[in-house]
PDB file of all heavy atoms in Angstrom:
ATOM      1  N   ALA A   1      -2.771   5.479  18.834  1.00  0.00           N
ATOM      2  CA  ALA A   1      -1.713   5.705  17.832  1.00  0.00           C
ATOM      3  C   ALA A   1      -2.075   5.166  16.501  1.00  0.00           C
ATOM      4  O   ALA A   1      -2.711   4.098  16.407  1.00  0.00           O
ATOM      5  CB  ALA A   1      -0.382   5.152  18.373  1.00  0.00           C
ATOM      6  N   GLY A   2      -1.642   5.812  15.503  1.00  0.00           N
ATOM      7  CA  GLY A   2      -1.888   5.394  14.101  1.00  0.00           C
ATOM      8  C   GLY A   2      -0.902   4.312  13.736  1.00  0.00           C
ATOM      9  O   GLY A   2      -0.113   3.771  14.618  1.00  0.00           O
ATOM     10  N   PRO A   3      -0.815   3.947  12.441  1.00  0.00           N
ATOM     11  CA  PRO A   3       0.119   2.908  12.024  1.00  0.00           C
ATOM     12  C   PRO A   3       1.556   3.329  12.194  1.00  0.00           C
ATOM     13  O   PRO A   3       1.930   4.491  12.176  1.00  0.00           O
ATOM     14  CB  PRO A   3      -0.210   2.777  10.524  1.00  0.00           C
ATOM     15  CG  PRO A   3      -0.833   4.068  10.201  1.00  0.00           C
ATOM     16  CD  PRO A   3      -1.595   4.562  11.395  1.00  0.00           C
ATOM     17  N   ASP A   4       2.417   2.297  12.503  1.00  0.00           N
ATOM     18  CA  ASP A   4       3.818   2.601  12.672  1.00  0.00           C
ATOM     19  C   ASP A   4       4.480   3.026  11.370  1.00  0.00           C
ATOM     20  O   ASP A   4       5.479   3.792  11.322  1.00  0.00           O
ATOM     21  CB  ASP A   4       4.594   1.395  13.209  1.00  0.00           C
ATOM     22  CG  ASP A   4       4.158   1.097  14.651  1.00  0.00           C
ATOM     23  OD1 ASP A   4       3.804   2.103  15.356  1.00  0.00           O
ATOM     24  OD2 ASP A   4       4.194  -0.061  15.060  1.00  0.00           O
ATOM     25  N   LYS A   5       3.955   2.611  10.268  1.00  0.00           N
ATOM     26  CA  LYS A   5       4.504   2.929   8.960  1.00  0.00           C
ATOM     27  C   LYS A   5       3.418   3.569   8.072  1.00  0.00           C
ATOM     28  O   LYS A   5       2.186   3.209   8.235  1.00  0.00           O
ATOM     29  CB  LYS A   5       5.024   1.665   8.254  1.00  0.00           C
ATOM     30  CG  LYS A   5       6.241   1.055   8.969  1.00  0.00           C
ATOM     31  CD  LYS A   5       6.763  -0.141   8.134  1.00  0.00           C
ATOM     32  CE  LYS A   5       7.979  -0.750   8.829  1.00  0.00           C
ATOM     33  NZ  LYS A   5       8.493  -1.996   8.061  1.00  0.00           N
ATOM     34  N   PHE A   6       3.818   4.432   7.247  1.00  0.00           N
ATOM     35  CA  PHE A   6       2.878   5.008   6.316  1.00  0.00           C
ATOM     36  C   PHE A   6       2.266   3.897   5.436  1.00  0.00           C
ATOM     37  O   PHE A   6       2.969   3.091   4.843  1.00  0.00           O
ATOM     38  CB  PHE A   6       3.635   6.007   5.407  1.00  0.00           C
ATOM     39  CG  PHE A   6       2.783   6.503   4.271  1.00  0.00           C
ATOM     40  CD1 PHE A   6       1.688   7.326   4.485  1.00  0.00           C
ATOM     41  CD2 PHE A   6       3.113   6.229   2.957  1.00  0.00           C
ATOM     42  CE1 PHE A   6       0.925   7.805   3.462  1.00  0.00           C
ATOM     43  CE2 PHE A   6       2.349   6.722   1.887  1.00  0.00           C
ATOM     44  CZ  PHE A   6       1.234   7.509   2.152  1.00  0.00           C
ATOM     45  N   PRO A   7       0.891   3.863   5.354  1.00  0.00           N
ATOM     46  CA  PRO A   7       0.303   2.806   4.610  1.00  0.00           C
ATOM     47  C   PRO A   7       0.531   2.974   3.111  1.00  0.00           C
ATOM     48  O   PRO A   7       0.390   4.007   2.539  1.00  0.00           O
ATOM     49  CB  PRO A   7      -1.206   2.921   4.962  1.00  0.00           C
ATOM     50  CG  PRO A   7      -1.372   4.357   5.314  1.00  0.00           C
ATOM     51  CD  PRO A   7      -0.086   4.729   5.981  1.00  0.00           C
ATOM     52  N   ARG A   8       0.895   1.851   2.460  1.00  0.00           N
ATOM     53  CA  ARG A   8       1.177   1.931   1.036  1.00  0.00           C
ATOM     54  C   ARG A   8      -0.167   1.814   0.297  1.00  0.00           C
ATOM     55  O   ARG A   8      -0.733   0.751   0.308  1.00  0.00           O
ATOM     56  CB  ARG A   8       2.098   0.821   0.621  1.00  0.00           C
ATOM     57  CG  ARG A   8       3.526   0.925   1.222  1.00  0.00           C
ATOM     58  CD  ARG A   8       4.480  -0.116   0.678  1.00  0.00           C
ATOM     59  NE  ARG A   8       4.599  -0.038  -0.840  1.00  0.00           N
ATOM     60  CZ  ARG A   8       5.420   0.769  -1.396  1.00  0.00           C
ATOM     61  NH1 ARG A   8       6.202   1.593  -0.752  1.00  0.00           N
ATOM     62  NH2 ARG A   8       5.550   0.792  -2.717  1.00  0.00           N
ATOM     63  N   ASN A   9      -0.624   2.853  -0.252  1.00  0.00           N
ATOM     64  CA  ASN A   9      -1.938   2.915  -0.918  1.00  0.00           C
ATOM     65  C   ASN A   9      -1.802   3.855  -2.168  1.00  0.00           C
ATOM     66  O   ASN A   9      -2.324   5.016  -2.130  1.00  0.00           O
ATOM     67  CB  ASN A   9      -2.995   3.419   0.035  1.00  0.00           C
ATOM     68  CG  ASN A   9      -4.431   3.355  -0.547  1.00  0.00           C
ATOM     69  OD1 ASN A   9      -4.575   2.984  -1.795  1.00  0.00           O
ATOM     70  ND2 ASN A   9      -5.390   3.520   0.231  1.00  0.00           N
ATOM     71  N   PRO A  10      -1.117   3.381  -3.184  1.00  0.00           N
ATOM     72  CA  PRO A  10      -0.835   4.249  -4.333  1.00  0.00           C
ATOM     73  C   PRO A  10      -2.105   4.806  -5.003  1.00  0.00           C
ATOM     74  O   PRO A  10      -2.112   5.962  -5.489  1.00  0.00           O
ATOM     75  CB  PRO A  10      -0.120   3.321  -5.342  1.00  0.00           C
ATOM     76  CG  PRO A  10       0.462   2.180  -4.475  1.00  0.00           C
ATOM     77  CD  PRO A  10      -0.536   2.030  -3.361  1.00  0.00           C
ATOM     78  N   ASP A  11      -3.159   4.046  -5.002  1.00  0.00           N
ATOM     79  CA  ASP A  11      -4.403   4.542  -5.694  1.00  0.00           C
ATOM     80  C   ASP A  11      -4.923   5.821  -5.002  1.00  0.00           C
ATOM     81  O   ASP A  11      -5.531   6.673  -5.618  1.00  0.00           O
ATOM     82  CB  ASP A  11      -5.494   3.517  -5.605  1.00  0.00           C
ATOM     83  CG  ASP A  11      -5.220   2.298  -6.604  1.00  0.00           C
ATOM     84  OD1 ASP A  11      -4.372   2.495  -7.447  1.00  0.00           O
ATOM     85  OD2 ASP A  11      -5.894   1.283  -6.456  1.00  0.00           O
ATOM     86  N   LYS A  12      -4.612   5.932  -3.688  1.00  0.00           N
ATOM     87  CA  LYS A  12      -5.085   7.119  -2.939  1.00  0.00           C
ATOM     88  C   LYS A  12      -4.064   8.190  -2.941  1.00  0.00           C
ATOM     89  O   LYS A  12      -4.460   9.352  -3.085  1.00  0.00           O
ATOM     90  CB  LYS A  12      -5.461   6.671  -1.489  1.00  0.00           C
ATOM     91  CG  LYS A  12      -5.963   7.835  -0.589  1.00  0.00           C
ATOM     92  CD  LYS A  12      -6.372   7.336   0.781  1.00  0.00           C
ATOM     93  CE  LYS A  12      -6.905   8.510   1.610  1.00  0.00           C
ATOM     94  NZ  LYS A  12      -7.387   8.122   2.924  1.00  0.00           N
ATOM     95  N   TYR A  13      -2.828   7.837  -2.701  1.00  0.00           N
ATOM     96  CA  TYR A  13      -1.787   8.910  -2.435  1.00  0.00           C
ATOM     97  C   TYR A  13      -0.954   9.226  -3.595  1.00  0.00           C
ATOM     98  O   TYR A  13      -0.196  10.214  -3.447  1.00  0.00           O
ATOM     99  CB  TYR A  13      -1.015   8.439  -1.193  1.00  0.00           C
ATOM    100  CG  TYR A  13      -1.766   8.425   0.042  1.00  0.00           C
ATOM    101  CD1 TYR A  13      -2.047   7.237   0.744  1.00  0.00           C
ATOM    102  CD2 TYR A  13      -2.278   9.639   0.608  1.00  0.00           C
ATOM    103  CE1 TYR A  13      -2.756   7.256   1.921  1.00  0.00           C
ATOM    104  CE2 TYR A  13      -2.975   9.601   1.755  1.00  0.00           C
ATOM    105  CZ  TYR A  13      -3.250   8.451   2.471  1.00  0.00           C
ATOM    106  OH  TYR A  13      -3.965   8.426   3.598  1.00  0.00           O
ATOM    107  N   VAL A  14      -0.961   8.556  -4.692  1.00  0.00           N
ATOM    108  CA  VAL A  14      -0.222   8.920  -5.855  1.00  0.00           C
ATOM    109  C   VAL A  14      -1.183   9.589  -6.861  1.00  0.00           C
ATOM    110  O   VAL A  14      -1.980   8.887  -7.507  1.00  0.00           O
ATOM    111  CB  VAL A  14       0.456   7.717  -6.481  1.00  0.00           C
ATOM    112  CG1 VAL A  14       1.305   8.137  -7.714  1.00  0.00           C
ATOM    113  CG2 VAL A  14       1.324   7.029  -5.420  1.00  0.00           C
ATOM    114  N   VAL A  15      -1.157  10.877  -6.882  1.00  0.00           N
ATOM    115  CA  VAL A  15      -2.176  11.622  -7.662  1.00  0.00           C
ATOM    116  C   VAL A  15      -1.768  11.854  -9.081  1.00  0.00           C
ATOM    117  O   VAL A  15      -1.524  12.969  -9.583  1.00  0.00           O
ATOM    118  CB  VAL A  15      -2.565  12.948  -6.900  1.00  0.00           C
ATOM    119  CG1 VAL A  15      -3.779  13.582  -7.544  1.00  0.00           C
ATOM    120  CG2 VAL A  15      -2.803  12.731  -5.457  1.00  0.00           C
ATOM    121  N   VAL A  16      -1.594  10.731  -9.759  1.00  0.00           N
ATOM    122  CA  VAL A  16      -1.423  10.793 -11.234  1.00  0.00           C
ATOM    123  C   VAL A  16      -2.810  10.931 -11.877  1.00  0.00           C
ATOM    124  O   VAL A  16      -3.808  10.674 -11.202  1.00  0.00           O
ATOM    125  CB  VAL A  16      -0.677   9.611 -11.772  1.00  0.00           C
ATOM    126  CG1 VAL A  16       0.762   9.571 -11.293  1.00  0.00           C
ATOM    127  CG2 VAL A  16      -1.366   8.316 -11.372  1.00  0.00           C
ATOM    128  N   PRO A  17      -2.883  11.369 -13.097  1.00  0.00           N
ATOM    129  CA  PRO A  17      -4.241  11.588 -13.702  1.00  0.00           C
ATOM    130  C   PRO A  17      -5.193  10.450 -13.629  1.00  0.00           C
ATOM    131  O   PRO A  17      -6.402  10.617 -13.393  1.00  0.00           O
ATOM    132  CB  PRO A  17      -3.889  11.943 -15.159  1.00  0.00           C
ATOM    133  CG  PRO A  17      -2.522  12.588 -15.076  1.00  0.00           C
ATOM    134  CD  PRO A  17      -1.843  11.846 -14.044  1.00  0.00           C
ATOM    135  N   SER A  18      -4.710   9.239 -13.821  1.00  0.00           N
ATOM    136  CA  SER A  18      -5.637   8.055 -13.717  1.00  0.00           C
ATOM    137  C   SER A  18      -6.280   7.900 -12.390  1.00  0.00           C
ATOM    138  O   SER A  18      -7.435   7.480 -12.296  1.00  0.00           O
ATOM    139  CB  SER A  18      -4.864   6.782 -14.148  1.00  0.00           C
ATOM    140  OG  SER A  18      -3.779   6.551 -13.267  1.00  0.00           O
ATOM    141  N   ASN A  19      -5.493   8.251 -11.332  1.00  0.00           N
ATOM    142  CA  ASN A  19      -6.067   8.172  -9.981  1.00  0.00           C
ATOM    143  C   ASN A  19      -6.924   9.406  -9.672  1.00  0.00           C
ATOM    144  O   ASN A  19      -7.974   9.275  -9.033  1.00  0.00           O
ATOM    145  CB  ASN A  19      -4.972   8.019  -8.945  1.00  0.00           C
ATOM    146  CG  ASN A  19      -4.296   6.690  -8.956  1.00  0.00           C
ATOM    147  OD1 ASN A  19      -4.900   5.698  -9.393  1.00  0.00           O
ATOM    148  ND2 ASN A  19      -3.049   6.642  -8.497  1.00  0.00           N
ATOM    149  N   ALA A  20      -6.497  10.536 -10.093  1.00  0.00           N
ATOM    150  CA  ALA A  20      -7.189  11.795  -9.809  1.00  0.00           C
ATOM    151  C   ALA A  20      -8.540  11.800 -10.439  1.00  0.00           C
ATOM    152  O   ALA A  20      -9.577  12.332  -9.879  1.00  0.00           O
ATOM    153  CB  ALA A  20      -6.382  12.946 -10.292  1.00  0.00           C
ATOM    154  N   ARG A  21      -8.706  11.171 -11.559  1.00  0.00           N
ATOM    155  CA  ARG A  21     -10.020  11.140 -12.193  1.00  0.00           C
ATOM    156  C   ARG A  21     -11.081  10.378 -11.392  1.00  0.00           C
ATOM    157  O   ARG A  21     -12.231  10.611 -11.410  1.00  0.00           O
ATOM    158  CB  ARG A  21      -9.913  10.439 -13.647  1.00  0.00           C
ATOM    159  CG  ARG A  21      -9.178  11.330 -14.643  1.00  0.00           C
ATOM    160  CD  ARG A  21      -9.192  10.681 -16.075  1.00  0.00           C
ATOM    161  NE  ARG A  21      -8.248  11.298 -16.887  1.00  0.00           N
ATOM    162  CZ  ARG A  21      -7.059  10.745 -17.277  1.00  0.00           C
ATOM    163  NH1 ARG A  21      -6.774   9.485 -16.842  1.00  0.00           N
ATOM    164  NH2 ARG A  21      -6.233  11.433 -17.992  1.00  0.00           N
ATOM    165  N   LYS A  22     -10.527   9.359 -10.657  1.00  0.00           N
ATOM    166  CA  LYS A  22     -11.410   8.616  -9.765  1.00  0.00           C
ATOM    167  C   LYS A  22     -11.711   9.373  -8.451  1.00  0.00           C
ATOM    168  O   LYS A  22     -12.735   9.226  -7.847  1.00  0.00           O
ATOM    169  CB  LYS A  22     -10.797   7.247  -9.461  1.00  0.00           C
ATOM    170  CG  LYS A  22     -10.727   6.297 -10.671  1.00  0.00           C
ATOM    171  CD  LYS A  22     -10.038   4.988 -10.305  1.00  0.00           C
ATOM    172  CE  LYS A  22      -8.632   5.095 -10.225  1.00  0.00           C
ATOM    173  NZ  LYS A  22      -7.950   3.730 -10.038  1.00  0.00           N
ATOM    174  N   MET A  23     -10.742  10.263  -8.084  1.00  0.00           N
ATOM    175  CA  MET A  23     -10.897  10.959  -6.826  1.00  0.00           C
ATOM    176  C   MET A  23     -11.876  12.076  -6.905  1.00  0.00           C
ATOM    177  O   MET A  23     -12.575  12.386  -5.914  1.00  0.00           O
ATOM    178  CB  MET A  23      -9.546  11.572  -6.386  1.00  0.00           C
ATOM    179  CG  MET A  23      -8.461  10.549  -5.983  1.00  0.00           C
ATOM    180  SD  MET A  23      -6.865  11.316  -5.755  1.00  0.00           S
ATOM    181  CE  MET A  23      -5.850   9.907  -5.242  1.00  0.00           C
ATOM    182  N   HIS A  24     -11.976  12.764  -8.028  1.00  0.00           N
ATOM    183  CA  HIS A  24     -12.848  13.937  -8.169  1.00  0.00           C
ATOM    184  C   HIS A  24     -14.300  13.622  -7.823  1.00  0.00           C
ATOM    185  O   HIS A  24     -14.901  14.377  -6.942  1.00  0.00           O
ATOM    186  CB  HIS A  24     -12.693  14.589  -9.515  1.00  0.00           C
ATOM    187  CG  HIS A  24     -13.313  15.907  -9.566  1.00  0.00           C
ATOM    188  ND1 HIS A  24     -13.530  16.588 -10.757  1.00  0.00           N
ATOM    189  CD2 HIS A  24     -13.958  16.705  -8.639  1.00  0.00           C
ATOM    190  CE1 HIS A  24     -14.196  17.749 -10.557  1.00  0.00           C
ATOM    191  NE2 HIS A  24     -14.411  17.798  -9.257  1.00  0.00           N
ATOM    192  N   PRO A  25     -14.893  12.579  -8.340  1.00  0.00           N
ATOM    193  CA  PRO A  25     -16.278  12.301  -7.960  1.00  0.00           C
ATOM    194  C   PRO A  25     -16.480  12.037  -6.485  1.00  0.00           C
ATOM    195  O   PRO A  25     -17.419  12.403  -5.803  1.00  0.00           O
ATOM    196  CB  PRO A  25     -16.674  11.088  -8.772  1.00  0.00           C
ATOM    197  CG  PRO A  25     -15.711  11.075  -9.918  1.00  0.00           C
ATOM    198  CD  PRO A  25     -14.447  11.683  -9.420  1.00  0.00           C
ATOM    199  N   VAL A  26     -15.420  11.436  -5.861  1.00  0.00           N
ATOM    200  CA  VAL A  26     -15.446  11.152  -4.448  1.00  0.00           C
ATOM    201  C   VAL A  26     -15.473  12.448  -3.640  1.00  0.00           C
ATOM    202  O   VAL A  26     -16.173  12.603  -2.619  1.00  0.00           O
ATOM    203  CB  VAL A  26     -14.189  10.309  -3.999  1.00  0.00           C
ATOM    204  CG1 VAL A  26     -14.142  10.117  -2.546  1.00  0.00           C
ATOM    205  CG2 VAL A  26     -14.286   8.914  -4.678  1.00  0.00           C
TER     206      VAL A  26
END
């Protein structure tokens, strides 16, 4: 089973431009 609660990871899951720019190369 996975985590009981959704993991709080704004850098990964909040796709504002500042985060998205880091995601594209990944």
